[in-house]
């Protein structure tokens, strides 16, 4: 158990010495946000909540 903790501590120190570039962090963050928004939009459009959506063109048909 002590060996495991020592290895984990060494790895965390290595990660602190070599942090990711700010541009990489920003790119991953923006990509994650865009993926989350897209996933939610597809779920809303085609999933169970789509039954509550109304078509304004069908509502005002002449």
N, C-alpha and C. Protein backbone atom coordinates (compact mmCIF):
# COMPACT_ATOMS: atom_id res chain seq x y z
N UNK A 1 0.83 -1.19 0.00
CA UNK A 1 0.00 0.00 0.00
C UNK A 1 0.88 1.26 0.00
N UNK A 2 1.94 1.22 0.75
CA UNK A 2 2.84 2.37 0.81
C UNK A 2 3.48 2.61 -0.55
N UNK A 3 3.83 1.52 -1.24
CA UNK A 3 4.44 1.65 -2.57
C UNK A 3 3.46 2.32 -3.54
N UNK A 4 2.20 1.92 -3.47
CA UNK A 4 1.17 2.50 -4.34
C UNK A 4 1.05 4.00 -4.09
N UNK A 5 1.01 4.39 -2.82
CA UNK A 5 0.89 5.81 -2.49
C UNK A 5 2.11 6.60 -2.95
N UNK A 6 3.28 5.98 -2.85
CA UNK A 6 4.51 6.63 -3.30
C UNK A 6 4.47 6.86 -4.80
N UNK A 7 4.02 5.85 -5.54
CA UNK A 7 3.93 5.97 -7.00
C UNK A 7 2.93 7.06 -7.38
N UNK A 8 1.79 7.09 -6.72
CA UNK A 8 0.78 8.10 -7.03
C UNK A 8 1.29 9.50 -6.71
N UNK A 9 2.02 9.65 -5.63
CA UNK A 9 2.58 10.95 -5.28
C UNK A 9 3.60 11.39 -6.31
N UNK A 10 4.45 10.47 -6.77
CA UNK A 10 5.44 10.81 -7.78
C UNK A 10 4.76 11.24 -9.08
N UNK A 11 3.70 10.54 -9.46
CA UNK A 11 2.99 10.90 -10.69
C UNK A 11 2.33 12.27 -10.57
N UNK A 12 1.78 12.57 -9.43
CA UNK A 12 1.13 13.88 -9.27
C UNK A 12 2.16 15.00 -9.30
N UNK A 13 3.35 14.75 -8.76
CA UNK A 13 4.41 15.76 -8.80
C UNK A 13 4.85 15.97 -10.24
N UNK A 14 4.96 14.88 -11.01
CA UNK A 14 5.35 15.00 -12.42
C UNK A 14 4.31 15.81 -13.18
N UNK A 15 3.03 15.57 -12.90
CA UNK A 15 1.97 16.31 -13.58
C UNK A 15 2.02 17.79 -13.22
N UNK A 16 2.39 18.11 -12.00
CA UNK A 16 2.49 19.51 -11.61
C UNK A 16 3.67 20.20 -12.27
N UNK A 17 4.72 19.45 -12.55
CA UNK A 17 5.89 20.03 -13.19
C UNK A 17 5.64 20.30 -14.67
N UNK A 18 4.77 19.51 -15.30
CA UNK A 18 4.50 19.65 -16.72
C UNK A 18 3.01 19.90 -16.97
N UNK A 19 2.52 21.07 -16.61
CA UNK A 19 1.09 21.33 -16.84
C UNK A 19 0.81 21.49 -18.34
N UNK A 20 -0.44 21.34 -18.71
CA UNK A 20 -0.81 21.51 -20.12
C UNK A 20 -0.73 22.99 -20.49
N UNK A 21 -0.54 23.21 -21.76
CA UNK A 21 -0.50 24.58 -22.27
C UNK A 21 -1.88 25.21 -22.12
N UNK A 22 -1.93 26.52 -21.88
CA UNK A 22 -3.23 27.19 -21.76
C UNK A 22 -4.09 27.05 -23.01
N UNK A 23 -3.46 27.05 -24.18
CA UNK A 23 -4.23 26.91 -25.42
C UNK A 23 -4.88 25.53 -25.50
N UNK A 24 -4.20 24.51 -25.01
CA UNK A 24 -4.76 23.16 -25.01
C UNK A 24 -5.94 23.07 -24.07
N UNK A 25 -5.80 23.65 -22.90
CA UNK A 25 -6.90 23.63 -21.92
C UNK A 25 -8.10 24.39 -22.47
N UNK A 26 -7.86 25.53 -23.09
CA UNK A 26 -8.95 26.32 -23.68
C UNK A 26 -9.63 25.55 -24.81
N UNK A 27 -8.85 24.91 -25.65
CA UNK A 27 -9.42 24.14 -26.76
C UNK A 27 -10.27 22.99 -26.26
N UNK A 28 -9.79 22.27 -25.27
CA UNK A 28 -10.55 21.16 -24.71
C UNK A 28 -11.82 21.67 -24.05
N UNK A 29 -11.74 22.79 -23.36
CA UNK A 29 -12.91 23.36 -22.69
C UNK A 29 -13.97 23.78 -23.70
N UNK A 30 -13.57 24.50 -24.72
CA UNK A 30 -14.52 24.95 -25.74
C UNK A 30 -15.13 23.75 -26.47
N UNK A 31 -14.30 22.77 -26.80
CA UNK A 31 -14.80 21.56 -27.46
C UNK A 31 -15.80 20.81 -26.60
N UNK A 32 -15.53 20.72 -25.31
CA UNK A 32 -16.45 20.04 -24.39
C UNK A 32 -17.78 20.77 -24.28
N UNK A 33 -17.72 22.09 -24.21
CA UNK A 33 -18.95 22.88 -24.12
C UNK A 33 -19.78 22.74 -25.40
N UNK A 34 -19.12 22.80 -26.56
CA UNK A 34 -19.84 22.64 -27.82
C UNK A 34 -20.46 21.25 -27.95
N UNK A 35 -19.73 20.23 -27.52
CA UNK A 35 -20.26 18.87 -27.56
C UNK A 35 -21.47 18.73 -26.64
N UNK A 36 -21.41 19.33 -25.46
CA UNK A 36 -22.54 19.26 -24.52
C UNK A 36 -23.77 19.97 -25.09
N UNK A 37 -23.58 21.13 -25.68
CA UNK A 37 -24.71 21.88 -26.26
C UNK A 37 -25.32 21.10 -27.43
N UNK A 38 -24.47 20.54 -28.28
CA UNK A 38 -24.96 19.76 -29.42
C UNK A 38 -25.72 18.53 -28.97
N UNK A 39 -25.19 17.83 -27.97
CA UNK A 39 -25.86 16.64 -27.45
C UNK A 39 -27.22 17.00 -26.87
N UNK A 40 -27.29 18.08 -26.13
CA UNK A 40 -28.57 18.50 -25.55
C UNK A 40 -29.56 18.90 -26.64
N UNK A 41 -29.08 19.57 -27.68
CA UNK A 41 -29.97 19.99 -28.77
C UNK A 41 -30.54 18.78 -29.51
N UNK A 42 -29.71 17.79 -29.78
CA UNK A 42 -30.18 16.58 -30.46
C UNK A 42 -31.16 15.83 -29.57
N UNK A 43 -30.88 15.75 -28.28
CA UNK A 43 -31.80 15.09 -27.34
C UNK A 43 -33.15 15.81 -27.31
N UNK A 44 -33.11 17.14 -27.29
CA UNK A 44 -34.35 17.91 -27.25
C UNK A 44 -35.14 17.76 -28.55
N UNK A 45 -34.44 17.72 -29.68
CA UNK A 45 -35.11 17.67 -30.97
C UNK A 45 -35.67 16.29 -31.29
N UNK A 46 -34.97 15.23 -30.90
CA UNK A 46 -35.37 13.89 -31.32
C UNK A 46 -35.72 12.96 -30.17
N UNK A 47 -35.45 13.35 -28.94
CA UNK A 47 -35.73 12.50 -27.79
C UNK A 47 -37.15 12.68 -27.28
N UNK A 48 -37.43 12.19 -26.08
CA UNK A 48 -38.77 12.31 -25.50
C UNK A 48 -39.29 13.75 -25.39
N UNK A 49 -38.44 14.76 -25.12
CA UNK A 49 -38.99 16.12 -25.03
C UNK A 49 -39.53 16.64 -26.37
N UNK A 50 -39.22 15.97 -27.48
CA UNK A 50 -39.68 16.47 -28.78
C UNK A 50 -41.19 16.39 -28.92
N UNK A 51 -41.86 15.57 -28.12
CA UNK A 51 -43.32 15.48 -28.18
C UNK A 51 -43.97 16.79 -27.74
N UNK A 52 -43.30 17.57 -26.94
CA UNK A 52 -43.85 18.84 -26.44
C UNK A 52 -43.60 20.00 -27.40
N UNK A 53 -42.76 19.79 -28.41
CA UNK A 53 -42.48 20.86 -29.36
C UNK A 53 -43.66 21.03 -30.32
N UNK A 54 -43.90 22.26 -30.73
CA UNK A 54 -44.97 22.50 -31.70
C UNK A 54 -44.38 23.13 -32.96
N UNK A 55 -45.04 22.90 -34.07
CA UNK A 55 -44.61 23.45 -35.34
C UNK A 55 -45.45 24.69 -35.63
N UNK A 56 -44.87 25.88 -35.60
CA UNK A 56 -45.66 27.09 -35.81
C UNK A 56 -46.27 27.16 -37.21
N UNK A 57 -45.67 26.51 -38.20
CA UNK A 57 -46.23 26.53 -39.55
C UNK A 57 -47.48 25.66 -39.64
N UNK A 58 -47.51 24.56 -38.89
CA UNK A 58 -48.72 23.73 -38.86
C UNK A 58 -49.83 24.41 -38.08
N UNK A 59 -49.49 25.17 -37.07
CA UNK A 59 -50.50 25.84 -36.25
C UNK A 59 -51.23 26.94 -37.02
N UNK A 60 -50.56 27.58 -37.99
CA UNK A 60 -51.15 28.71 -38.72
C UNK A 60 -51.30 28.39 -40.20
N UNK A 61 -51.71 27.19 -40.50
CA UNK A 61 -51.87 26.79 -41.89
C UNK A 61 -53.12 27.46 -42.48
N UNK A 62 -52.99 27.95 -43.70
CA UNK A 62 -54.12 28.64 -44.34
C UNK A 62 -54.92 27.71 -45.19
